[in-house]
Amino acid sequence: MIPTCYLPREATVTMRDLTQHIESNNIQFFKDELPKRHKFIIQPFVIRLMMDMKRYELIDLIIQYVEENNIDLGWKLPQKVIMPGNVSN
């Protein structure tokens, strides 16, 4: 399956490293198959990812990208990613 990633025109250059990472690591994106809690919405682009161990590396990369580029999401990104089935407050 081809990774699906929605990027506005102005974001395509700055997001190149991320998309290369996605493609080179065979990370699969699914268009409409995941519940909302498994979607990471980063304005102005939307990335929906399948959640498993490998893909948490991608989430870290997204968090790093957002922080390094001072992207205002309108909400704060989690500092730590909690594995499914291991949720605690």
PDB file of N, CA and C in Angstrom:
ATOM      1  N   MET A   1       0.833  -1.194   0.000  1.00  0.00           N
ATOM      2  CA  MET A   1       0.000   0.000   0.000  1.00  0.00           C
ATOM      3  C   MET A   1       0.873   1.252   0.000  1.00  0.00           C
ATOM      4  N   ILE A   2       0.517   2.230  -0.774  1.00  0.00           N
ATOM      5  CA  ILE A   2       1.276   3.475  -0.841  1.00  0.00           C
ATOM      6  C   ILE A   2       0.948   4.320   0.382  1.00  0.00           C
ATOM      7  N   PRO A   3       1.978   4.857   1.050  1.00  0.00           N
ATOM      8  CA  PRO A   3       1.698   5.730   2.198  1.00  0.00           C
ATOM      9  C   PRO A   3       0.828   6.908   1.770  1.00  0.00           C
ATOM     10  N   THR A   4      -0.146   7.259   2.604  1.00  0.00           N
ATOM     11  CA  THR A   4      -1.015   8.383   2.306  1.00  0.00           C
ATOM     12  C   THR A   4      -0.709   9.493   3.286  1.00  0.00           C
ATOM     13  N   CYS A   5      -0.353  10.630   2.768  1.00  0.00           N
ATOM     14  CA  CYS A   5       0.029  11.738   3.624  1.00  0.00           C
ATOM     15  C   CYS A   5      -0.473  13.011   2.964  1.00  0.00           C
ATOM     16  N   TYR A   6      -1.262  13.799   3.682  1.00  0.00           N
ATOM     17  CA  TYR A   6      -1.800  15.013   3.098  1.00  0.00           C
ATOM     18  C   TYR A   6      -0.904  16.190   3.467  1.00  0.00           C
ATOM     19  N   LEU A   7      -0.316  16.813   2.465  1.00  0.00           N
ATOM     20  CA  LEU A   7       0.571  17.944   2.709  1.00  0.00           C
ATOM     21  C   LEU A   7       0.151  19.118   1.831  1.00  0.00           C
ATOM     22  N   PRO A   8       0.066  20.293   2.411  1.00  0.00           N
ATOM     23  CA  PRO A   8      -0.182  21.471   1.590  1.00  0.00           C
ATOM     24  C   PRO A   8       1.069  21.765   0.756  1.00  0.00           C
ATOM     25  N   ARG A   9       0.909  22.469  -0.338  1.00  0.00           N
ATOM     26  CA  ARG A   9       2.041  22.764  -1.217  1.00  0.00           C
ATOM     27  C   ARG A   9       3.215  23.382  -0.471  1.00  0.00           C
ATOM     28  N   GLU A  10       2.948  24.328   0.415  1.00  0.00           N
ATOM     29  CA  GLU A  10       4.031  25.051   1.076  1.00  0.00           C
ATOM     30  C   GLU A  10       4.794  24.169   2.079  1.00  0.00           C
ATOM     31  N   ALA A  11       4.221  23.029   2.432  1.00  0.00           N
ATOM     32  CA  ALA A  11       4.871  22.166   3.419  1.00  0.00           C
ATOM     33  C   ALA A  11       5.715  21.065   2.777  1.00  0.00           C
ATOM     34  N   THR A  12       5.602  20.922   1.453  1.00  0.00           N
ATOM     35  CA  THR A  12       6.241  19.765   0.835  1.00  0.00           C
ATOM     36  C   THR A  12       7.754  19.775   0.969  1.00  0.00           C
ATOM     37  N   VAL A  13       8.381  20.929   0.929  1.00  0.00           N
ATOM     38  CA  VAL A  13       9.832  20.992   1.036  1.00  0.00           C
ATOM     39  C   VAL A  13      10.276  20.735   2.468  1.00  0.00           C
ATOM     40  N   THR A  14       9.675  21.403   3.415  1.00  0.00           N
ATOM     41  CA  THR A  14      10.086  21.246   4.808  1.00  0.00           C
ATOM     42  C   THR A  14       9.753  19.863   5.345  1.00  0.00           C
ATOM     43  N   MET A  15       8.795  19.178   4.728  1.00  0.00           N
ATOM     44  CA  MET A  15       8.405  17.860   5.195  1.00  0.00           C
ATOM     45  C   MET A  15       9.140  16.747   4.453  1.00  0.00           C
ATOM     46  N   ARG A  16      10.105  17.109   3.607  1.00  0.00           N
ATOM     47  CA  ARG A  16      10.777  16.111   2.772  1.00  0.00           C
ATOM     48  C   ARG A  16      11.445  15.013   3.601  1.00  0.00           C
ATOM     49  N   ASP A  17      12.141  15.408   4.661  1.00  0.00           N
ATOM     50  CA  ASP A  17      12.811  14.412   5.502  1.00  0.00           C
ATOM     51  C   ASP A  17      11.811  13.425   6.104  1.00  0.00           C
ATOM     52  N   LEU A  18      10.682  13.961   6.532  1.00  0.00           N
ATOM     53  CA  LEU A  18       9.670  13.103   7.136  1.00  0.00           C
ATOM     54  C   LEU A  18       9.099  12.129   6.115  1.00  0.00           C
ATOM     55  N   THR A  19       8.789  12.624   4.921  1.00  0.00           N
ATOM     56  CA  THR A  19       8.216  11.732   3.916  1.00  0.00           C
ATOM     57  C   THR A  19       9.241  10.702   3.442  1.00  0.00           C
ATOM     58  N   GLN A  20      10.508  11.100   3.375  1.00  0.00           N
ATOM     59  CA  GLN A  20      11.555  10.141   3.027  1.00  0.00           C
ATOM     60  C   GLN A  20      11.643   9.044   4.080  1.00  0.00           C
ATOM     61  N   HIS A  21      11.550   9.445   5.332  1.00  0.00           N
ATOM     62  CA  HIS A  21      11.579   8.481   6.430  1.00  0.00           C
ATOM     63  C   HIS A  21      10.410   7.509   6.313  1.00  0.00           C
ATOM     64  N   ILE A  22       9.239   8.054   6.007  1.00  0.00           N
ATOM     65  CA  ILE A  22       8.042   7.231   5.839  1.00  0.00           C
ATOM     66  C   ILE A  22       8.246   6.202   4.729  1.00  0.00           C
ATOM     67  N   GLU A  23       8.732   6.674   3.582  1.00  0.00           N
ATOM     68  CA  GLU A  23       8.889   5.785   2.436  1.00  0.00           C
ATOM     69  C   GLU A  23      10.001   4.764   2.653  1.00  0.00           C
ATOM     70  N   SER A  24      11.142   5.213   3.175  1.00  0.00           N
ATOM     71  CA  SER A  24      12.284   4.305   3.306  1.00  0.00           C
ATOM     72  C   SER A  24      12.053   3.249   4.383  1.00  0.00           C
ATOM     73  N   ASN A  25      11.165   3.527   5.327  1.00  0.00           N
ATOM     74  CA  ASN A  25      10.883   2.554   6.385  1.00  0.00           C
ATOM     75  C   ASN A  25       9.585   1.793   6.160  1.00  0.00           C
ATOM     76  N   ASN A  26       9.009   1.963   4.944  1.00  0.00           N
ATOM     77  CA  ASN A  26       7.797   1.230   4.598  1.00  0.00           C
ATOM     78  C   ASN A  26       6.664   1.448   5.590  1.00  0.00           C
ATOM     79  N   ILE A  27       6.541   2.655   6.099  1.00  0.00           N
ATOM     80  CA  ILE A  27       5.490   2.937   7.069  1.00  0.00           C
ATOM     81  C   ILE A  27       4.171   3.103   6.320  1.00  0.00           C
ATOM     82  N   GLN A  28       3.155   2.390   6.777  1.00  0.00           N
ATOM     83  CA  GLN A  28       1.884   2.380   6.069  1.00  0.00           C
ATOM     84  C   GLN A  28       0.901   3.371   6.677  1.00  0.00           C
ATOM     85  N   PHE A  29       0.307   4.145   5.815  1.00  0.00           N
ATOM     86  CA  PHE A  29      -0.709   5.102   6.222  1.00  0.00           C
ATOM     87  C   PHE A  29      -2.044   4.661   5.648  1.00  0.00           C
ATOM     88  N   PHE A  30      -3.079   4.778   6.442  1.00  0.00           N
ATOM     89  CA  PHE A  30      -4.389   4.347   5.993  1.00  0.00           C
ATOM     90  C   PHE A  30      -5.341   5.539   5.993  1.00  0.00           C
ATOM     91  N   LYS A  31      -6.105   5.616   4.936  1.00  0.00           N
ATOM     92  CA  LYS A  31      -6.916   6.806   4.721  1.00  0.00           C
ATOM     93  C   LYS A  31      -8.034   6.960   5.749  1.00  0.00           C
ATOM     94  N   ASP A  32      -8.900   5.989   5.871  1.00  0.00           N
ATOM     95  CA  ASP A  32     -10.079   6.178   6.730  1.00  0.00           C
ATOM     96  C   ASP A  32     -10.343   5.002   7.644  1.00  0.00           C
ATOM     97  N   GLU A  33      -9.312   4.260   8.013  1.00  0.00           N
ATOM     98  CA  GLU A  33      -9.555   3.021   8.733  1.00  0.00           C
ATOM     99  C   GLU A  33      -9.315   3.093  10.233  1.00  0.00           C
ATOM    100  N   LEU A  34      -8.863   4.235  10.731  1.00  0.00           N
ATOM    101  CA  LEU A  34      -8.479   4.298  12.137  1.00  0.00           C
ATOM    102  C   LEU A  34      -9.407   5.198  12.949  1.00  0.00           C
ATOM    103  N   PRO A  35      -9.612   4.852  14.211  1.00  0.00           N
ATOM    104  CA  PRO A  35     -10.401   5.728  15.087  1.00  0.00           C
ATOM    105  C   PRO A  35      -9.643   7.028  15.343  1.00  0.00           C
ATOM    106  N   LYS A  36     -10.366   8.056  15.771  1.00  0.00           N
ATOM    107  CA  LYS A  36      -9.766   9.372  15.943  1.00  0.00           C
ATOM    108  C   LYS A  36      -8.594   9.379  16.913  1.00  0.00           C
ATOM    109  N   ARG A  37      -8.637   8.577  17.932  1.00  0.00           N
ATOM    110  CA  ARG A  37      -7.551   8.612  18.916  1.00  0.00           C
ATOM    111  C   ARG A  37      -6.237   8.107  18.338  1.00  0.00           C
ATOM    112  N   HIS A  38      -6.303   7.463  17.175  1.00  0.00           N
ATOM    113  CA  HIS A  38      -5.091   6.979  16.525  1.00  0.00           C
ATOM    114  C   HIS A  38      -4.668   7.861  15.357  1.00  0.00           C
ATOM    115  N   LYS A  39      -5.233   9.070  15.306  1.00  0.00           N
ATOM    116  CA  LYS A  39      -4.838  10.014  14.267  1.00  0.00           C
ATOM    117  C   LYS A  39      -4.057  11.131  14.930  1.00  0.00           C
ATOM    118  N   PHE A  40      -2.966  11.499  14.312  1.00  0.00           N
ATOM    119  CA  PHE A  40      -2.214  12.643  14.794  1.00  0.00           C
ATOM    120  C   PHE A  40      -2.428  13.773  13.816  1.00  0.00           C
ATOM    121  N   ILE A  41      -3.102  14.814  14.282  1.00  0.00           N
ATOM    122  CA  ILE A  41      -3.419  15.923  13.405  1.00  0.00           C
ATOM    123  C   ILE A  41      -2.441  17.043  13.707  1.00  0.00           C
ATOM    124  N   ILE A  42      -1.625  17.366  12.719  1.00  0.00           N
ATOM    125  CA  ILE A  42      -0.666  18.444  12.873  1.00  0.00           C
ATOM    126  C   ILE A  42      -0.961  19.455  11.786  1.00  0.00           C
ATOM    127  N   GLN A  43      -1.469  20.629  12.163  1.00  0.00           N
ATOM    128  CA  GLN A  43      -1.804  21.638  11.181  1.00  0.00           C
ATOM    129  C   GLN A  43      -0.522  22.141  10.537  1.00  0.00           C
ATOM    130  N   PRO A  44      -0.484  22.385   9.246  1.00  0.00           N
ATOM    131  CA  PRO A  44      -1.626  22.298   8.349  1.00  0.00           C
ATOM    132  C   PRO A  44      -1.693  20.984   7.569  1.00  0.00           C
ATOM    133  N   PHE A  45      -1.150  19.932   8.107  1.00  0.00           N
ATOM    134  CA  PHE A  45      -1.246  18.662   7.405  1.00  0.00           C
ATOM    135  C   PHE A  45      -1.775  17.587   8.355  1.00  0.00           C
ATOM    136  N   VAL A  46      -2.301  16.519   7.790  1.00  0.00           N
ATOM    137  CA  VAL A  46      -2.888  15.458   8.588  1.00  0.00           C
ATOM    138  C   VAL A  46      -2.157  14.166   8.294  1.00  0.00           C
ATOM    139  N   ILE A  47      -1.674  13.518   9.341  1.00  0.00           N
ATOM    140  CA  ILE A  47      -1.020  12.233   9.173  1.00  0.00           C
ATOM    141  C   ILE A  47      -1.785  11.215  10.003  1.00  0.00           C
ATOM    142  N   ARG A  48      -2.199  10.156   9.362  1.00  0.00           N
ATOM    143  CA  ARG A  48      -2.928   9.100  10.073  1.00  0.00           C
ATOM    144  C   ARG A  48      -2.066   7.867  10.040  1.00  0.00           C
ATOM    145  N   LEU A  49      -1.700   7.359  11.193  1.00  0.00           N
ATOM    146  CA  LEU A  49      -0.806   6.226  11.166  1.00  0.00           C
ATOM    147  C   LEU A  49      -1.328   5.030  11.941  1.00  0.00           C
ATOM    148  N   MET A  50      -0.869   3.899  11.489  1.00  0.00           N
ATOM    149  CA  MET A  50      -1.188   2.657  12.149  1.00  0.00           C
ATOM    150  C   MET A  50      -0.284   2.535  13.355  1.00  0.00           C
ATOM    151  N   MET A  51      -0.849   2.119  14.491  1.00  0.00           N
ATOM    152  CA  MET A  51      -0.083   2.136  15.714  1.00  0.00           C
ATOM    153  C   MET A  51       0.527   0.772  16.002  1.00  0.00           C
ATOM    154  N   ASP A  52       1.840   0.698  15.941  1.00  0.00           N
ATOM    155  CA  ASP A  52       2.545  -0.444  16.473  1.00  0.00           C
ATOM    156  C   ASP A  52       3.938   0.005  16.871  1.00  0.00           C
ATOM    157  N   MET A  53       4.751  -0.899  17.397  1.00  0.00           N
ATOM    158  CA  MET A  53       6.026  -0.519  17.988  1.00  0.00           C
ATOM    159  C   MET A  53       6.895   0.302  17.047  1.00  0.00           C
ATOM    160  N   LYS A  54       7.086  -0.169  15.826  1.00  0.00           N
ATOM    161  CA  LYS A  54       7.958   0.519  14.875  1.00  0.00           C
ATOM    162  C   LYS A  54       7.518   1.946  14.625  1.00  0.00           C
ATOM    163  N   ARG A  55       6.229   2.149  14.550  1.00  0.00           N
ATOM    164  CA  ARG A  55       5.725   3.442  14.146  1.00  0.00           C
ATOM    165  C   ARG A  55       5.816   4.489  15.252  1.00  0.00           C
ATOM    166  N   TYR A  56       6.122   4.072  16.452  1.00  0.00           N
ATOM    167  CA  TYR A  56       6.334   5.064  17.495  1.00  0.00           C
ATOM    168  C   TYR A  56       7.579   5.901  17.216  1.00  0.00           C
ATOM    169  N   GLU A  57       8.523   5.320  16.476  1.00  0.00           N
ATOM    170  CA  GLU A  57       9.686   6.085  16.051  1.00  0.00           C
ATOM    171  C   GLU A  57       9.250   7.253  15.169  1.00  0.00           C
ATOM    172  N   LEU A  58       8.274   7.008  14.311  1.00  0.00           N
ATOM    173  CA  LEU A  58       7.765   8.062  13.446  1.00  0.00           C
ATOM    174  C   LEU A  58       7.103   9.158  14.265  1.00  0.00           C
ATOM    175  N   ILE A  59       6.340   8.766  15.285  1.00  0.00           N
ATOM    176  CA  ILE A  59       5.690   9.756  16.134  1.00  0.00           C
ATOM    177  C   ILE A  59       6.735  10.640  16.802  1.00  0.00           C
ATOM    178  N   ASP A  60       7.814  10.017  17.289  1.00  0.00           N
ATOM    179  CA  ASP A  60       8.902  10.797  17.879  1.00  0.00           C
ATOM    180  C   ASP A  60       9.473  11.781  16.876  1.00  0.00           C
ATOM    181  N   LEU A  61       9.605  11.328  15.622  1.00  0.00           N
ATOM    182  CA  LEU A  61      10.134  12.179  14.563  1.00  0.00           C
ATOM    183  C   LEU A  61       9.210  13.367  14.304  1.00  0.00           C
ATOM    184  N   ILE A  62       7.904  13.099  14.307  1.00  0.00           N
ATOM    185  CA  ILE A  62       6.923  14.172  14.107  1.00  0.00           C
ATOM    186  C   ILE A  62       7.016  15.185  15.244  1.00  0.00           C
ATOM    187  N   ILE A  63       7.079  14.682  16.483  1.00  0.00           N
ATOM    188  CA  ILE A  63       7.183  15.562  17.639  1.00  0.00           C
ATOM    189  C   ILE A  63       8.442  16.428  17.532  1.00  0.00           C
ATOM    190  N   GLN A  64       9.540  15.788  17.174  1.00  0.00           N
ATOM    191  CA  GLN A  64      10.809  16.495  17.019  1.00  0.00           C
ATOM    192  C   GLN A  64      10.704  17.563  15.932  1.00  0.00           C
ATOM    193  N   TYR A  65      10.092  17.203  14.799  1.00  0.00           N
ATOM    194  CA  TYR A  65       9.931  18.148  13.697  1.00  0.00           C
ATOM    195  C   TYR A  65       9.113  19.359  14.125  1.00  0.00           C
ATOM    196  N   VAL A  66       8.016  19.094  14.825  1.00  0.00           N
ATOM    197  CA  VAL A  66       7.130  20.167  15.256  1.00  0.00           C
ATOM    198  C   VAL A  66       7.850  21.099  16.232  1.00  0.00           C
ATOM    199  N   GLU A  67       8.582  20.518  17.183  1.00  0.00           N
ATOM    200  CA  GLU A  67       9.295  21.322  18.159  1.00  0.00           C
ATOM    201  C   GLU A  67      10.409  22.144  17.518  1.00  0.00           C
ATOM    202  N   GLU A  68      11.197  21.503  16.658  1.00  0.00           N
ATOM    203  CA  GLU A  68      12.329  22.193  16.034  1.00  0.00           C
ATOM    204  C   GLU A  68      11.896  23.334  15.131  1.00  0.00           C
ATOM    205  N   ASN A  69      10.724  23.213  14.541  1.00  0.00           N
ATOM    206  CA  ASN A  69      10.248  24.241  13.622  1.00  0.00           C
ATOM    207  C   ASN A  69       9.222  25.176  14.250  1.00  0.00           C
ATOM    208  N   ASN A  70       9.053  25.072  15.568  1.00  0.00           N
ATOM    209  CA  ASN A  70       8.125  25.933  16.306  1.00  0.00           C
ATOM    210  C   ASN A  70       6.749  26.011  15.654  1.00  0.00           C
ATOM    211  N   ILE A  71       6.226  24.860  15.268  1.00  0.00           N
ATOM    212  CA  ILE A  71       4.897  24.830  14.648  1.00  0.00           C
ATOM    213  C   ILE A  71       3.838  24.929  15.747  1.00  0.00           C
ATOM    214  N   ASP A  72       2.935  25.879  15.572  1.00  0.00           N
ATOM    215  CA  ASP A  72       1.865  26.064  16.547  1.00  0.00           C
ATOM    216  C   ASP A  72       0.693  25.162  16.181  1.00  0.00           C
ATOM    217  N   LEU A  73       0.471  24.153  17.008  1.00  0.00           N
ATOM    218  CA  LEU A  73      -0.595  23.197  16.715  1.00  0.00           C
ATOM    219  C   LEU A  73      -1.932  23.629  17.283  1.00  0.00           C
ATOM    220  N   GLY A  74      -1.893  24.591  18.203  1.00  0.00           N
ATOM    221  CA  GLY A  74      -3.099  24.967  18.908  1.00  0.00           C
ATOM    222  C   GLY A  74      -3.318  24.070  20.120  1.00  0.00           C
ATOM    223  N   TRP A  75      -2.489  23.051  20.269  1.00  0.00           N
ATOM    224  CA  TRP A  75      -2.504  22.180  21.446  1.00  0.00           C
ATOM    225  C   TRP A  75      -1.109  21.606  21.626  1.00  0.00           C
ATOM    226  N   LYS A  76      -0.822  21.135  22.842  1.00  0.00           N
ATOM    227  CA  LYS A  76       0.528  20.688  23.175  1.00  0.00           C
ATOM    228  C   LYS A  76       0.707  19.211  22.821  1.00  0.00           C
ATOM    229  N   LEU A  77       1.835  18.905  22.194  1.00  0.00           N
ATOM    230  CA  LEU A  77       2.142  17.513  21.888  1.00  0.00           C
ATOM    231  C   LEU A  77       2.543  16.774  23.151  1.00  0.00           C
ATOM    232  N   PRO A  78       2.236  15.482  23.236  1.00  0.00           N
ATOM    233  CA  PRO A  78       2.666  14.700  24.394  1.00  0.00           C
ATOM    234  C   PRO A  78       4.181  14.598  24.434  1.00  0.00           C
ATOM    235  N   GLN A  79       4.746  14.632  25.630  1.00  0.00           N
ATOM    236  CA  GLN A  79       6.190  14.494  25.765  1.00  0.00           C
ATOM    237  C   GLN A  79       6.594  13.031  25.649  1.00  0.00           C
ATOM    238  N   LYS A  80       5.677  12.154  26.037  1.00  0.00           N
ATOM    239  CA  LYS A  80       5.960  10.727  26.007  1.00  0.00           C
ATOM    240  C   LYS A  80       4.805  10.013  25.328  1.00  0.00           C
ATOM    241  N   VAL A  81       5.128   9.071  24.485  1.00  0.00           N
ATOM    242  CA  VAL A  81       4.087   8.311  23.807  1.00  0.00           C
ATOM    243  C   VAL A  81       3.747   7.091  24.651  1.00  0.00           C
ATOM    244  N   ILE A  82       2.472   6.903  24.932  1.00  0.00           N
ATOM    245  CA  ILE A  82       2.035   5.767  25.745  1.00  0.00           C
ATOM    246  C   ILE A  82       1.608   4.623  24.831  1.00  0.00           C
ATOM    247  N   MET A  83       2.161   3.472  25.092  1.00  0.00           N
ATOM    248  CA  MET A  83       1.834   2.303  24.277  1.00  0.00           C
ATOM    249  C   MET A  83       0.390   1.870  24.539  1.00  0.00           C
ATOM    250  N   PRO A  84      -0.331   1.441  23.487  1.00  0.00           N
ATOM    251  CA  PRO A  84      -1.692   0.924  23.688  1.00  0.00           C
ATOM    252  C   PRO A  84      -1.675  -0.255  24.654  1.00  0.00           C
ATOM    253  N   GLY A  85      -2.667  -0.302  25.542  1.00  0.00           N
ATOM    254  CA  GLY A  85      -2.743  -1.397  26.499  1.00  0.00           C
ATOM    255  C   GLY A  85      -1.884  -1.140  27.727  1.00  0.00           C
ATOM    256  N   ASN A  86      -1.190  -0.002  27.739  1.00  0.00           N
ATOM    257  CA  ASN A  86      -0.320   0.320  28.858  1.00  0.00           C
ATOM    258  C   ASN A  86      -0.571   1.762  29.280  1.00  0.00           C
ATOM    259  N   VAL A  87      -1.843   2.133  29.329  1.00  0.00           N
ATOM    260  CA  VAL A  87      -2.204   3.518  29.591  1.00  0.00           C
ATOM    261  C   VAL A  87      -2.332   3.746  31.095  1.00  0.00           C
ATOM    262  N   SER A  88      -1.652   4.792  31.570  1.00  0.00           N
ATOM    263  CA  SER A  88      -1.770   5.164  32.976  1.00  0.00           C
ATOM    264  C   SER A  88      -1.736   6.675  33.091  1.00  0.00           C
ATOM    265  N   ASN A  89      -2.331   7.215  34.150  1.00  0.00           N
ATOM    266  CA  ASN A  89      -2.357   8.670  34.307  1.00  0.00           C
ATOM    267  C   ASN A  89      -1.186   9.146  35.126  1.00  0.00           C
TER     268      ASN A  89
END
